[in-house]
Amino acid sequence: MFKSKLKYIPFLLALLMMSCAKRGSITGGLKDTLAPVLVSSSPKNFTTDFKGNEITLTFDEYIKLKNTNKQLIISPPLKYEPLITPSTVSKFIKIQIRDTLQPNTTYSMNFGQSITDNNEGNALNQFKYIFSTGSHIDSLTLNGKIKDAYEKHVDNFVSVMLYEINDKYNDSVIYKEFPRYITNTLDSMRTFKFENLKAGKYLLLALKDKGSNNKFNPKDDKIGFLKSYVTVPSDSVYELELFKEKLPVKVFKPIQASGNRLLLPYDGKQNFKTNAPKIVLKNNNEVLETIITQFPKKDSLQIWHKPLKTDSLSIEIEKEKYKKQFTFKFKDQKKDTLNITAVQNGVINFRERFTLESATPLVKFDKSKIRLVNKDSSAVDFTTEYDVFDQKLYVDFKKEPQEKYNFTFLPGALTDFFEKSNDTLSYKLTTKELSDYGNLILNLRNVKRYPIIVEITNKKGDVVLASAYSESSPTVEFNLVQPDVFTVRVIYDDNKNKMYDTGSFLEHRYSEEVFYNQEEFDVRANWDRNETIDLSIPFNPEVEKKTDEKKKKDAERKRKAF
């Protein structure tokens, strides 16, 4: 019997070898979807009478830190950032505090989404380590939300701050001092929540803090604030509107751009087109004739002057209480010359004015040397308007559908500041059928007050495609618009200057109120779209997000079905 069993041994060995040699893959089981868990901390979380300067957090698995410079929010903020180690994968985090802590204060360290497991990147969402240098943990809360005063969507990573109102408070603290408490909307939220507050009266402030220094820098930062102070505890949900302040006038030393043009850089977005500074250019004591225009797409003015020979020039700039004077060397350089370019090329739309841009400012126009004829060579009447600040000549005329037009500017029709005139210029334009365009009629309900500026923009709201001004009528028509998807924006023009005006913290003034319609309007060719908009319904980005997601899913279903 023993021998008969032995004959099976080679067979079993062969099976064993085949089993060992067989190639396969390790499945590893189900995917890890669980976030790391804090198993211990020293000192313990929610410790009172905190005395040390080092904290150790230990987790149940290997973790790594991600974007702590953006995600970690310490409230009240520390002057010196804590040292957090290690920077490599580990089961623990050490936090070394390098600042003097305030007495009787509750501190909160919110790690946001920065603590993740090493394998799958599962984040320990909004983990907080809290301690108090006093005998108790403050536990009051304050809630709110953020919106942009003008833009359709608000920035992410907005800092929200509370400044304590006491005998040391004044408006300058937001420029110089750290807030008492701070939180952040991070990268996915438009709401904020303060926790572990103590009772008191506070200034509530929001900053898109470009410098990440917890102080307001008007040159770079957006700001939002409440005119009235908030009292904690409070059950109210506060809303802050972010806006970019208009900076006070500040100019810098001129730059010589050519033999007849200077550039005058200035700080911030200034409306010099309607409210220009007084500029005087001098050669010794002689005041030079100048024309002031905008340098395209740059924060600089162009100061045009006649060619001259001199070693130096001086310039004086004055606007309200602001005065500045410069003296600078002047070199012999190449001069700018007359050059005319057309904005439209070929097709001109019905809502457009034919536009010419000049490289040098124009000063004389001889309409008798400008000819406009249609395809039958019949003369077409026209009007002209010159915008000297932007160096654009607008030519307006009644356009007929499916028509061809020929513009001719004979020599001497246009003369610039340097007495140079154009050679013969010819431009051919055509129009489309009326059916190639659509009409959008808006019926506005619950308009709070007039006048209003009504704009139709692209989907993002960052390009204005057409605008209208209404002083009393709730119906606004945008006829013959190019087919597109439009967003509607309404601005309450409270100071009646026909433009949007931003706010000011020091003047305790909000920006002019802006309304965005929730629904976008698809205007197609040969369509009349008549829509009613209720201005009492605020824009909700979450609704838009869900709508966009639904549209994507519907489009994907149609694609798969096809």
Protein backbone atom coordinates (compact mmCIF):
# COMPACT_ATOMS: atom_id res chain seq x y z
CA MET A 1 0.00 0.00 0.00
CA PHE A 2 2.84 2.38 0.86
CA LYS A 3 4.45 1.84 -2.54
CA SER A 4 1.19 2.47 -4.34
CA LYS A 5 0.85 5.82 -2.60
CA LEU A 6 4.41 6.81 -3.52
CA LYS A 7 3.59 6.71 -7.22
CA TYR A 8 1.31 9.80 -6.74
CA ILE A 9 4.05 11.95 -5.23
CA PRO A 10 5.64 13.10 -8.55
CA PHE A 11 2.17 14.05 -9.79
CA LEU A 12 1.45 16.14 -6.65
CA LEU A 13 4.86 17.84 -6.87
CA ALA A 14 4.17 18.80 -10.48
CA LEU A 15 0.82 20.35 -9.54
CA LEU A 16 2.46 22.27 -6.72
CA MET A 17 5.16 23.66 -9.04
CA MET A 18 2.55 24.72 -11.62
CA SER A 19 0.59 26.46 -8.91
CA CYS A 20 3.67 28.36 -7.71
CA ALA A 21 4.68 29.34 -11.26
CA LYS A 22 1.25 30.59 -12.29
CA ARG A 23 1.25 34.36 -12.87
CA GLY A 24 -1.55 36.50 -11.43
CA SER A 25 -2.40 39.92 -9.94
CA ILE A 26 -2.91 40.93 -6.34
CA THR A 27 -6.32 42.50 -6.02
CA GLY A 28 -5.66 44.10 -2.62
CA GLY A 29 -9.30 44.01 -1.62
CA LEU A 30 -11.69 46.96 -1.62
CA LYS A 31 -10.43 50.49 -2.26
CA ASP A 32 -9.71 52.49 0.88
CA THR A 33 -12.23 55.33 1.15
CA LEU A 34 -11.79 56.15 4.84
CA ALA A 35 -10.05 59.27 6.08
CA PRO A 36 -7.28 59.07 8.70
CA VAL A 37 -8.41 59.03 12.33
CA LEU A 38 -6.75 60.94 15.16
CA VAL A 39 -5.86 58.41 17.86
CA SER A 40 -4.11 60.71 20.32
CA SER A 41 -2.88 64.26 20.80
CA SER A 42 -0.50 65.84 23.26
CA PRO A 43 -1.74 68.03 24.85
CA LYS A 44 -5.24 66.67 24.37
CA ASN A 45 -7.62 68.40 21.98
CA PHE A 46 -9.72 71.06 23.78
CA THR A 47 -7.06 71.51 26.43
CA THR A 48 -7.45 74.50 28.78
CA ASP A 49 -4.70 76.43 30.59
CA PHE A 50 -2.35 75.65 27.68
CA LYS A 51 1.24 76.52 28.65
CA GLY A 52 3.56 74.85 26.15
CA ASN A 53 4.69 75.60 22.63
CA GLU A 54 4.57 72.14 21.02
CA ILE A 55 1.66 69.92 19.94
CA THR A 56 1.82 66.33 18.69
CA LEU A 57 -1.03 64.73 16.71
CA THR A 58 -0.93 60.95 16.13
CA PHE A 59 -3.08 59.13 13.53
CA ASP A 60 -4.12 55.54 12.87
CA GLU A 61 -2.31 55.36 9.51
CA TYR A 62 0.42 57.05 7.51
CA ILE A 63 -0.60 60.55 6.47
CA LYS A 64 0.83 63.38 4.40
CA LEU A 65 0.21 67.14 4.46
CA LYS A 66 -1.03 68.92 1.35
CA ASN A 67 -1.25 72.69 0.76
CA THR A 68 -1.08 73.62 4.43
CA ASN A 69 -0.05 77.15 3.40
CA LYS A 70 -3.56 77.60 1.95
CA GLN A 71 -5.64 75.14 3.95
CA LEU A 72 -4.45 75.70 7.53
CA ILE A 73 -6.38 78.50 9.24
CA ILE A 74 -5.27 79.56 12.73
CA SER A 75 -7.62 81.78 14.68
CA PRO A 76 -6.70 84.17 16.20
CA PRO A 77 -3.88 84.46 13.63
CA LEU A 78 -0.27 84.20 14.81
CA LYS A 79 2.41 86.72 13.87
CA TYR A 80 4.82 83.91 13.04
CA GLU A 81 3.61 80.77 11.32
CA PRO A 82 4.11 77.61 13.37
CA LEU A 83 6.71 75.05 12.28
CA ILE A 84 4.93 71.86 11.20
CA THR A 85 6.95 68.66 10.80
CA PRO A 86 7.66 66.23 9.29
CA SER A 87 7.23 67.19 5.65
CA THR A 88 7.43 63.52 4.67
CA VAL A 89 4.96 60.65 5.17
CA SER A 90 4.43 59.88 8.84
CA LYS A 91 1.87 58.76 11.42
CA PHE A 92 2.23 61.95 13.45
CA ILE A 93 2.39 65.73 13.08
CA LYS A 94 4.39 68.03 15.31
CA ILE A 95 3.37 71.69 15.60
CA GLN A 96 5.90 74.06 17.10
CA ILE A 97 4.42 77.45 18.09
CA ARG A 98 6.89 80.28 17.50
CA ASP A 99 4.75 83.11 18.81
CA THR A 100 3.69 84.46 22.21
CA LEU A 101 0.10 83.37 22.85
CA GLN A 102 -2.49 85.79 24.20
CA PRO A 103 -3.78 85.11 27.72
CA ASN A 104 -7.31 83.79 28.28
CA THR A 105 -7.79 83.11 24.57
CA THR A 106 -9.25 80.15 22.70
CA TYR A 107 -7.16 79.14 19.68
CA SER A 108 -8.41 77.07 16.76
CA MET A 109 -6.23 75.30 14.17
CA ASN A 110 -8.41 74.26 11.23
CA PHE A 111 -6.45 72.02 8.83
CA GLY A 112 -9.14 72.17 6.11
CA GLN A 113 -8.41 69.41 3.57
CA SER A 114 -4.65 69.33 4.17
CA ILE A 115 -4.40 66.03 6.14
CA THR A 116 -4.77 63.03 3.81
CA ASP A 117 -3.89 59.36 4.00
CA ASN A 118 -0.78 58.33 2.10
CA ASN A 119 -2.32 55.69 -0.19
CA GLU A 120 -5.60 57.05 -1.57
CA GLY A 121 -5.43 60.72 -0.57
CA ASN A 122 -8.60 60.58 1.55
CA ALA A 123 -8.82 63.89 3.41
CA LEU A 124 -9.60 64.33 7.09
CA ASN A 125 -12.15 67.04 6.37
CA GLN A 126 -12.01 70.25 8.44
CA PHE A 127 -10.04 68.70 11.29
CA LYS A 128 -9.61 71.19 14.15
CA TYR A 129 -7.25 71.23 17.07
CA ILE A 130 -8.52 73.62 19.74
CA PHE A 131 -6.96 74.80 22.97
CA SER A 132 -7.30 77.68 25.41
CA THR A 133 -4.71 79.64 27.34
CA GLY A 134 -7.47 80.35 29.85
CA SER A 135 -9.67 78.25 32.07
CA HIS A 136 -12.42 77.54 29.51
CA ILE A 137 -13.04 77.02 25.77
CA ASP A 138 -15.07 79.77 24.08
CA SER A 139 -17.98 78.17 22.22
CA LEU A 140 -20.04 80.85 20.45
CA THR A 141 -20.50 80.81 16.64
CA LEU A 142 -21.21 83.24 13.78
CA ASN A 143 -22.40 82.31 10.26
CA GLY A 144 -22.47 84.06 6.92
CA LYS A 145 -21.94 83.90 3.17
CA ILE A 146 -19.84 85.66 0.55
CA LYS A 147 -20.77 87.11 -2.84
CA ASP A 148 -19.07 89.42 -5.30
CA ALA A 149 -20.49 92.93 -5.62
CA TYR A 150 -20.01 93.01 -9.42
CA GLU A 151 -18.76 89.68 -10.77
CA LYS A 152 -21.07 86.74 -11.36
CA HIS A 153 -19.00 84.36 -9.24
CA VAL A 154 -17.06 84.97 -6.07
CA ASP A 155 -13.38 84.14 -5.56
CA ASN A 156 -12.33 81.11 -3.55
CA PHE A 157 -10.02 81.22 -0.52
CA VAL A 158 -11.64 84.35 0.90
CA SER A 159 -10.51 85.28 4.41
CA VAL A 160 -13.27 86.38 6.79
CA MET A 161 -12.24 88.33 9.87
CA LEU A 162 -13.60 89.70 13.12
CA TYR A 163 -12.03 92.77 14.77
CA GLU A 164 -12.95 93.40 18.38
CA ILE A 165 -14.63 96.75 19.01
CA ASN A 166 -13.01 98.26 22.10
CA ASP A 167 -11.39 101.53 23.18
CA LYS A 168 -8.38 100.78 20.95
CA TYR A 169 -10.38 100.20 17.77
CA ASN A 170 -10.34 102.57 14.78
CA ASP A 171 -10.75 102.07 11.04
CA SER A 172 -7.00 101.88 10.45
CA VAL A 173 -6.66 98.53 12.26
CA ILE A 174 -7.55 96.55 9.11
CA TYR A 175 -4.45 97.98 7.41
CA LYS A 176 -2.05 97.47 10.34
CA GLU A 177 -3.24 94.86 12.83
CA PHE A 178 -4.25 91.19 12.83
CA PRO A 179 -7.94 90.43 13.42
CA ARG A 180 -9.13 88.87 16.65
CA TYR A 181 -10.64 85.89 14.77
CA ILE A 182 -10.25 84.56 11.25
CA THR A 183 -11.77 81.85 9.05
CA ASN A 184 -11.68 81.08 5.33
CA THR A 185 -14.06 79.88 2.62
CA LEU A 186 -11.28 77.64 1.21
CA ASP A 187 -11.60 76.33 -2.35
CA SER A 188 -15.13 74.95 -2.55
CA MET A 189 -17.38 76.92 -0.22
CA ARG A 190 -19.15 80.29 -0.46
CA THR A 191 -20.21 80.23 3.17
CA PHE A 192 -18.24 80.76 6.35
CA LYS A 193 -18.60 79.87 9.99
CA PHE A 194 -16.76 81.19 13.02
CA GLU A 195 -16.54 78.88 16.01
CA ASN A 196 -15.07 79.16 19.49
CA LEU A 197 -15.85 82.87 19.77
CA LYS A 198 -16.25 84.85 22.93
CA ALA A 199 -19.17 87.23 23.44
CA GLY A 200 -18.61 90.78 22.25
CA LYS A 201 -19.03 93.41 19.53
CA TYR A 202 -17.03 93.03 16.30
CA LEU A 203 -16.34 94.47 12.86
CA LEU A 204 -17.09 91.74 10.28
CA LEU A 205 -14.80 91.88 7.25
CA ALA A 206 -13.92 89.73 4.22
CA LEU A 207 -10.72 89.93 2.16
CA LYS A 208 -9.49 88.25 -0.98
CA ASP A 209 -6.08 88.49 0.63
CA LYS A 210 -3.57 88.31 -2.25
CA GLY A 211 -0.60 88.82 0.08
CA SER A 212 -1.82 86.26 2.65
CA ASN A 213 -0.78 88.63 5.46
CA ASN A 214 -4.22 89.09 7.11
CA LYS A 215 -4.10 92.85 6.44
CA PHE A 216 -5.96 94.95 3.88
CA ASN A 217 -3.87 96.13 0.92
CA PRO A 218 -6.21 98.22 -1.30
CA LYS A 219 -3.89 97.91 -4.30
CA ASP A 220 -4.26 94.13 -4.52
CA ASP A 221 -7.11 92.97 -2.28
CA LYS A 222 -10.86 92.85 -2.63
CA ILE A 223 -12.79 93.79 0.50
CA GLY A 224 -16.29 93.27 1.88
CA PHE A 225 -17.66 94.67 5.14
CA LEU A 226 -20.76 95.47 7.15
CA LYS A 227 -21.40 99.11 8.03
CA SER A 228 -22.87 98.12 11.39
CA TYR A 229 -21.02 96.06 13.96
CA VAL A 230 -22.11 92.51 14.77
CA THR A 231 -22.80 91.29 18.28
CA VAL A 232 -21.92 87.76 19.36
CA PRO A 233 -23.93 85.66 20.18
CA SER A 234 -26.14 86.09 17.10
CA ASP A 235 -28.47 83.83 15.13
CA SER A 236 -28.28 86.02 12.01
CA VAL A 237 -26.65 84.87 8.75
CA TYR A 238 -24.60 87.79 7.45
CA GLU A 239 -23.78 88.44 3.79
CA LEU A 240 -20.59 90.21 2.69
CA GLU A 241 -20.06 91.60 -0.83
CA LEU A 242 -16.50 91.67 -2.12
CA PHE A 243 -15.38 94.60 -4.25
CA LYS A 244 -12.14 96.19 -5.45
CA GLU A 245 -11.76 99.73 -4.19
CA LYS A 246 -10.93 102.55 -6.58
CA LEU A 247 -7.47 103.67 -5.54
CA PRO A 248 -6.59 107.31 -4.92
CA VAL A 249 -4.73 108.98 -7.75
CA LYS A 250 -1.03 108.17 -7.79
CA VAL A 251 1.25 108.71 -10.78
CA PHE A 252 4.86 107.74 -11.38
CA LYS A 253 7.77 109.29 -13.22
CA PRO A 254 7.09 109.64 -16.97
CA ILE A 255 8.73 107.34 -19.48
CA GLN A 256 9.78 108.68 -22.86
CA ALA A 257 8.12 106.40 -25.44
CA SER A 258 9.17 108.28 -28.59
CA GLY A 259 10.28 111.69 -29.81
CA ASN A 260 6.73 113.06 -29.47
CA ARG A 261 5.10 110.90 -26.80
CA LEU A 262 5.49 110.27 -23.07
CA LEU A 263 3.93 107.54 -20.95
CA LEU A 264 2.64 108.51 -17.51
CA PRO A 265 2.07 105.33 -15.42
CA TYR A 266 -0.60 105.50 -12.72
CA ASP A 267 -1.76 103.27 -9.91
CA GLY A 268 -4.99 101.32 -10.16
CA LYS A 269 -8.06 101.50 -12.38
CA GLN A 270 -8.81 105.21 -12.73
CA ASN A 271 -11.69 106.68 -14.72
CA PHE A 272 -9.60 109.37 -16.40
CA LYS A 273 -11.84 109.39 -19.46
CA THR A 274 -14.55 111.36 -17.67
CA ASN A 275 -12.44 112.84 -14.88
CA ALA A 276 -8.91 113.44 -16.15
CA PRO A 277 -6.16 115.12 -14.11
CA LYS A 278 -4.75 118.47 -15.14
CA ILE A 279 -1.38 117.87 -16.81
CA VAL A 280 1.07 120.65 -17.70
CA LEU A 281 4.23 119.83 -19.69
CA LYS A 282 7.00 122.44 -19.69
CA ASN A 283 10.24 123.06 -21.51
CA ASN A 284 11.94 125.36 -19.00
CA ASN A 285 9.16 127.96 -18.46
CA GLU A 286 7.42 127.35 -21.79
CA VAL A 287 4.13 125.46 -21.51
CA LEU A 288 3.92 122.91 -24.33
CA GLU A 289 0.75 122.07 -26.23
CA THR A 290 -0.33 118.50 -25.40
CA ILE A 291 -3.07 115.94 -25.97
CA ILE A 292 -3.77 113.30 -23.30
CA THR A 293 -4.96 109.83 -24.33
CA GLN A 294 -5.17 106.36 -22.81
CA PHE A 295 -2.40 103.85 -23.48
CA PRO A 296 -4.39 100.78 -24.67
CA LYS A 297 -4.74 97.96 -22.10
CA LYS A 298 -2.22 99.54 -19.72
CA ASP A 299 -2.48 101.70 -16.59
CA SER A 300 -0.72 104.61 -18.29
CA LEU A 301 -1.63 107.87 -19.97
CA GLN A 302 -0.05 108.98 -23.23
CA ILE A 303 1.11 112.60 -23.32
CA TRP A 304 1.47 113.73 -26.90
CA HIS A 305 3.59 116.81 -27.66
CA LYS A 306 5.11 118.42 -30.74
CA PRO A 307 8.69 117.34 -31.61
CA LEU A 308 11.34 119.51 -29.98
CA LYS A 309 15.02 119.62 -29.09
CA THR A 310 15.85 119.96 -25.42
CA ASP A 311 17.84 118.27 -22.67
CA SER A 312 15.04 117.97 -20.14
CA LEU A 313 11.31 118.51 -19.55
CA SER A 314 9.18 119.00 -16.47
CA ILE A 315 5.62 117.90 -15.85
CA GLU A 316 2.98 118.85 -13.27
CA ILE A 317 -0.01 116.64 -12.47
CA GLU A 318 -2.94 117.88 -10.41
CA LYS A 319 -6.23 116.24 -9.53
CA GLU A 320 -8.30 117.54 -6.63
CA LYS A 321 -5.93 117.50 -3.63
CA TYR A 322 -3.30 115.39 -5.35
CA LYS A 323 -0.27 117.20 -6.83
CA LYS A 324 2.92 115.77 -8.30
CA GLN A 325 5.86 117.22 -10.22
CA PHE A 326 8.69 115.52 -12.15
CA THR A 327 11.74 116.68 -14.06
CA PHE A 328 13.32 114.19 -16.44
CA LYS A 329 15.89 113.95 -19.21
CA PHE A 330 14.71 114.09 -22.81
CA LYS A 331 16.43 112.24 -25.65
CA ASP A 332 16.20 112.52 -29.42
CA GLN A 333 14.14 109.49 -30.48
CA LYS A 334 12.12 108.28 -33.45
CA LYS A 335 8.71 109.99 -33.77
CA ASP A 336 5.30 108.29 -33.91
CA THR A 337 3.58 108.65 -37.26
CA LEU A 338 -0.02 108.59 -38.48
CA ASN A 339 -1.41 105.12 -39.03
CA ILE A 340 -5.10 104.23 -39.43
CA THR A 341 -6.58 100.75 -38.91
CA ALA A 342 -10.17 99.56 -39.19
CA VAL A 343 -11.77 97.57 -36.34
CA GLN A 344 -14.32 95.86 -38.63
CA ASN A 345 -13.10 93.85 -41.59
CA GLY A 346 -15.63 92.59 -44.09
CA VAL A 347 -18.90 91.98 -42.20
CA ILE A 348 -20.35 94.76 -40.05
CA ASN A 349 -23.20 93.91 -37.68
CA PHE A 350 -26.29 96.09 -37.38
CA ARG A 351 -25.55 97.16 -33.79
CA GLU A 352 -21.99 98.23 -34.60
CA ARG A 353 -20.55 101.55 -35.64
CA PHE A 354 -17.76 101.46 -38.20
CA THR A 355 -14.64 102.24 -36.19
CA LEU A 356 -11.18 103.49 -37.14
CA GLU A 357 -8.27 103.55 -34.69
CA SER A 358 -5.46 106.05 -35.13
CA ALA A 359 -1.90 105.53 -33.90
CA THR A 360 -1.62 109.29 -33.28
CA PRO A 361 -4.43 111.57 -32.05
CA LEU A 362 -6.59 113.17 -34.75
CA VAL A 363 -7.56 116.85 -34.62
CA LYS A 364 -9.18 117.69 -37.99
CA PHE A 365 -11.90 115.94 -40.02
CA ASP A 366 -13.01 116.97 -43.51
CA LYS A 367 -16.34 115.23 -44.11
CA SER A 368 -16.34 116.40 -47.74
CA LYS A 369 -13.43 114.04 -48.35
CA ILE A 370 -15.17 111.02 -46.84
CA ARG A 371 -17.44 109.04 -49.17
CA LEU A 372 -19.80 106.18 -48.36
CA VAL A 373 -21.66 104.44 -51.20
CA ASN A 374 -23.71 101.25 -51.43
CA LYS A 375 -23.45 98.52 -54.07
CA ASP A 376 -25.48 100.68 -56.48
CA SER A 377 -22.90 103.48 -56.01
CA SER A 378 -25.56 105.63 -54.33
CA ALA A 379 -24.31 107.94 -51.57
CA VAL A 380 -25.23 106.97 -48.04
CA ASP A 381 -25.54 109.59 -45.33
CA PHE A 382 -23.40 109.15 -42.22
CA THR A 383 -22.32 110.88 -39.01
CA THR A 384 -18.92 110.87 -37.30
CA GLU A 385 -17.81 111.02 -33.67
CA TYR A 386 -14.22 111.11 -32.48
CA ASP A 387 -13.19 109.79 -29.07
CA VAL A 388 -9.89 111.57 -28.48
CA PHE A 389 -9.13 109.76 -25.21
CA ASP A 390 -9.27 106.33 -26.88
CA GLN A 391 -8.15 107.62 -30.31
CA LYS A 392 -11.15 106.12 -32.13
CA LEU A 393 -13.24 107.57 -34.93
CA TYR A 394 -16.82 106.24 -35.07
CA VAL A 395 -18.82 106.42 -38.30
CA ASP A 396 -22.52 105.67 -38.02
CA PHE A 397 -25.00 105.09 -40.84
CA LYS A 398 -28.27 103.30 -41.52
CA LYS A 399 -27.50 99.74 -42.57
CA GLU A 400 -29.68 97.76 -44.94
CA PRO A 401 -29.72 93.95 -45.00
CA GLN A 402 -27.68 92.09 -47.63
CA GLU A 403 -25.99 95.31 -48.68
CA LYS A 404 -22.44 96.20 -49.67
CA TYR A 405 -20.79 99.47 -48.66
CA ASN A 406 -17.59 101.15 -49.75
CA PHE A 407 -15.88 103.74 -47.55
CA THR A 408 -13.30 106.03 -49.14
CA PHE A 409 -11.23 108.49 -47.14
CA LEU A 410 -9.55 110.79 -49.66
CA PRO A 411 -6.19 112.45 -48.87
CA GLY A 412 -6.65 115.15 -46.24
CA ALA A 413 -9.84 113.65 -44.76
CA LEU A 414 -8.07 113.00 -41.44
CA THR A 415 -5.31 115.16 -39.94
CA ASP A 416 -3.44 114.34 -36.78
CA PHE A 417 -1.91 116.44 -34.00
CA PHE A 418 1.36 116.64 -35.94
CA GLU A 419 -0.35 118.01 -39.09
CA LYS A 420 0.07 114.77 -41.01
CA SER A 421 -2.84 113.66 -43.20
CA ASN A 422 -3.95 110.31 -44.54
CA ASP A 423 -3.35 108.87 -47.95
CA THR A 424 -6.35 107.37 -49.73
CA LEU A 425 -8.03 104.76 -47.53
CA SER A 426 -10.68 102.30 -48.77
CA TYR A 427 -12.76 99.85 -46.77
CA LYS A 428 -15.39 97.41 -48.02
CA LEU A 429 -18.18 96.29 -45.70
CA THR A 430 -21.11 93.93 -46.06
CA THR A 431 -24.21 93.24 -43.99
CA LYS A 432 -26.11 90.01 -43.39
CA GLU A 433 -29.81 89.21 -43.53
CA LEU A 434 -31.98 90.35 -40.64
CA SER A 435 -32.88 86.71 -40.14
CA ASP A 436 -29.25 85.99 -39.18
CA TYR A 437 -29.84 87.84 -35.91
CA GLY A 438 -32.16 87.50 -32.95
CA ASN A 439 -34.08 89.84 -30.66
CA LEU A 440 -34.11 89.73 -26.87
CA ILE A 441 -36.89 91.58 -25.08
CA LEU A 442 -36.59 91.80 -21.29
CA ASN A 443 -39.53 92.65 -19.06
CA LEU A 444 -38.17 93.57 -15.64
CA ARG A 445 -40.31 93.04 -12.54
CA ASN A 446 -39.74 94.42 -9.04
CA VAL A 447 -37.20 97.05 -10.08
CA LYS A 448 -36.28 98.73 -6.79
CA ARG A 449 -35.43 102.13 -8.25
CA TYR A 450 -34.28 103.94 -11.39
CA PRO A 451 -32.13 104.60 -13.34
CA ILE A 452 -30.68 101.20 -14.15
CA ILE A 453 -28.00 99.90 -16.50
CA VAL A 454 -29.05 96.66 -18.21
CA GLU A 455 -26.27 94.57 -19.73
CA ILE A 456 -26.19 91.31 -21.60
CA THR A 457 -22.88 89.52 -21.14
CA ASN A 458 -21.24 86.24 -22.05
CA LYS A 459 -21.85 83.22 -19.82
CA LYS A 460 -19.07 84.09 -17.36
CA GLY A 461 -20.23 87.70 -17.09
CA ASP A 462 -16.79 89.13 -17.89
CA VAL A 463 -17.53 90.49 -21.40
CA VAL A 464 -20.34 93.01 -22.01
CA LEU A 465 -21.94 92.29 -25.39
CA ALA A 466 -24.60 95.02 -25.30
CA SER A 467 -26.01 97.51 -22.79
CA ALA A 468 -29.01 99.80 -22.36
CA TYR A 469 -29.90 102.60 -19.95
CA SER A 470 -33.39 102.94 -18.53
CA GLU A 471 -34.61 105.87 -16.44
CA SER A 472 -38.19 104.63 -16.03
CA SER A 473 -39.18 101.80 -18.39
CA PRO A 474 -39.20 98.20 -17.13
CA THR A 475 -39.00 96.89 -20.71
CA VAL A 476 -35.61 96.81 -22.41
CA GLU A 477 -35.03 95.56 -25.95
CA PHE A 478 -31.82 94.24 -27.47
CA ASN A 479 -32.63 93.94 -31.14
CA LEU A 480 -30.48 92.39 -33.88
CA VAL A 481 -28.01 90.70 -31.55
CA GLN A 482 -25.68 87.98 -32.77
CA PRO A 483 -26.91 84.50 -31.75
CA ASP A 484 -25.36 83.54 -28.43
CA VAL A 485 -26.05 82.49 -24.84
CA PHE A 486 -26.50 85.62 -22.72
CA THR A 487 -26.34 86.42 -19.04
CA VAL A 488 -28.35 89.43 -17.88
CA ARG A 489 -26.84 91.91 -15.40
CA VAL A 490 -28.68 94.92 -13.96
CA ILE A 491 -26.87 97.76 -12.18
CA TYR A 492 -28.71 100.26 -9.99
CA ASP A 493 -27.05 103.52 -11.07
CA ASP A 494 -27.69 105.44 -7.86
CA ASN A 495 -25.42 108.40 -8.67
CA LYS A 496 -26.76 108.58 -12.28
CA ASN A 497 -23.37 108.68 -13.95
CA LYS A 498 -24.21 105.79 -16.33
CA MET A 499 -21.49 103.51 -15.01
CA TYR A 500 -20.89 101.06 -12.17
CA ASP A 501 -19.27 102.56 -9.07
CA THR A 502 -17.39 100.55 -6.48
CA GLY A 503 -17.43 101.02 -2.70
CA SER A 504 -15.04 102.39 -0.08
CA PHE A 505 -14.26 101.07 3.38
CA LEU A 506 -13.07 104.37 4.87
CA GLU A 507 -16.11 106.19 3.45
CA HIS A 508 -18.39 103.40 4.77
CA ARG A 509 -19.88 103.14 1.30
CA TYR A 510 -21.05 99.96 -0.43
CA SER A 511 -20.73 99.36 -4.18
CA GLU A 512 -23.73 100.09 -6.35
CA GLU A 513 -26.15 97.19 -6.25
CA VAL A 514 -25.86 94.59 -9.02
CA PHE A 515 -28.36 91.90 -9.99
CA TYR A 516 -27.58 88.75 -12.03
CA ASN A 517 -30.38 86.71 -13.52
CA GLN A 518 -30.28 83.03 -12.62
CA GLU A 519 -31.23 81.77 -16.08
CA GLU A 520 -29.12 82.24 -19.18
CA PHE A 521 -30.93 83.07 -22.42
CA ASP A 522 -30.10 81.31 -25.66
CA VAL A 523 -30.95 83.74 -28.47
CA ARG A 524 -30.99 82.07 -31.88
CA ALA A 525 -31.03 83.44 -35.40
CA ASN A 526 -34.43 84.69 -36.62
CA TRP A 527 -35.89 84.40 -33.10
CA ASP A 528 -37.71 86.84 -30.87
CA ARG A 529 -37.13 85.86 -27.26
CA ASN A 530 -39.41 87.64 -24.80
CA GLU A 531 -38.49 87.03 -21.17
CA THR A 532 -39.68 88.25 -17.78
CA ILE A 533 -37.04 88.72 -15.09
CA ASP A 534 -37.89 89.12 -11.42
CA LEU A 535 -35.22 91.31 -9.80
CA SER A 536 -36.36 90.24 -6.34
CA ILE A 537 -34.91 86.73 -6.86
CA PRO A 538 -31.20 86.73 -6.00
CA PHE A 539 -28.63 84.86 -8.06
CA ASN A 540 -27.67 81.49 -6.54
CA PRO A 541 -24.46 79.92 -7.91
CA GLU A 542 -25.43 76.54 -6.49
CA VAL A 543 -28.57 76.49 -8.65
CA GLU A 544 -26.49 77.38 -11.70
CA LYS A 545 -23.99 74.62 -10.83
CA LYS A 546 -26.77 72.02 -10.60
CA THR A 547 -28.27 73.29 -13.88
CA ASP A 548 -24.89 72.99 -15.63
CA GLU A 549 -24.45 69.46 -14.27
CA LYS A 550 -27.92 68.49 -15.50
CA LYS A 551 -27.17 69.92 -18.96
CA LYS A 552 -23.93 67.91 -19.12
CA LYS A 553 -25.71 64.70 -18.10
CA ASP A 554 -28.50 65.30 -20.67
CA ALA A 555 -25.90 65.95 -23.38
CA GLU A 556 -24.02 62.78 -22.43
CA ARG A 557 -27.24 60.71 -22.54
CA LYS A 558 -28.06 62.10 -26.00
CA ARG A 559 -24.52 61.36 -27.19
CA LYS A 560 -24.71 57.75 -25.98
CA ALA A 561 -28.20 57.30 -27.44
CA PHE A 562 -26.97 58.59 -30.79
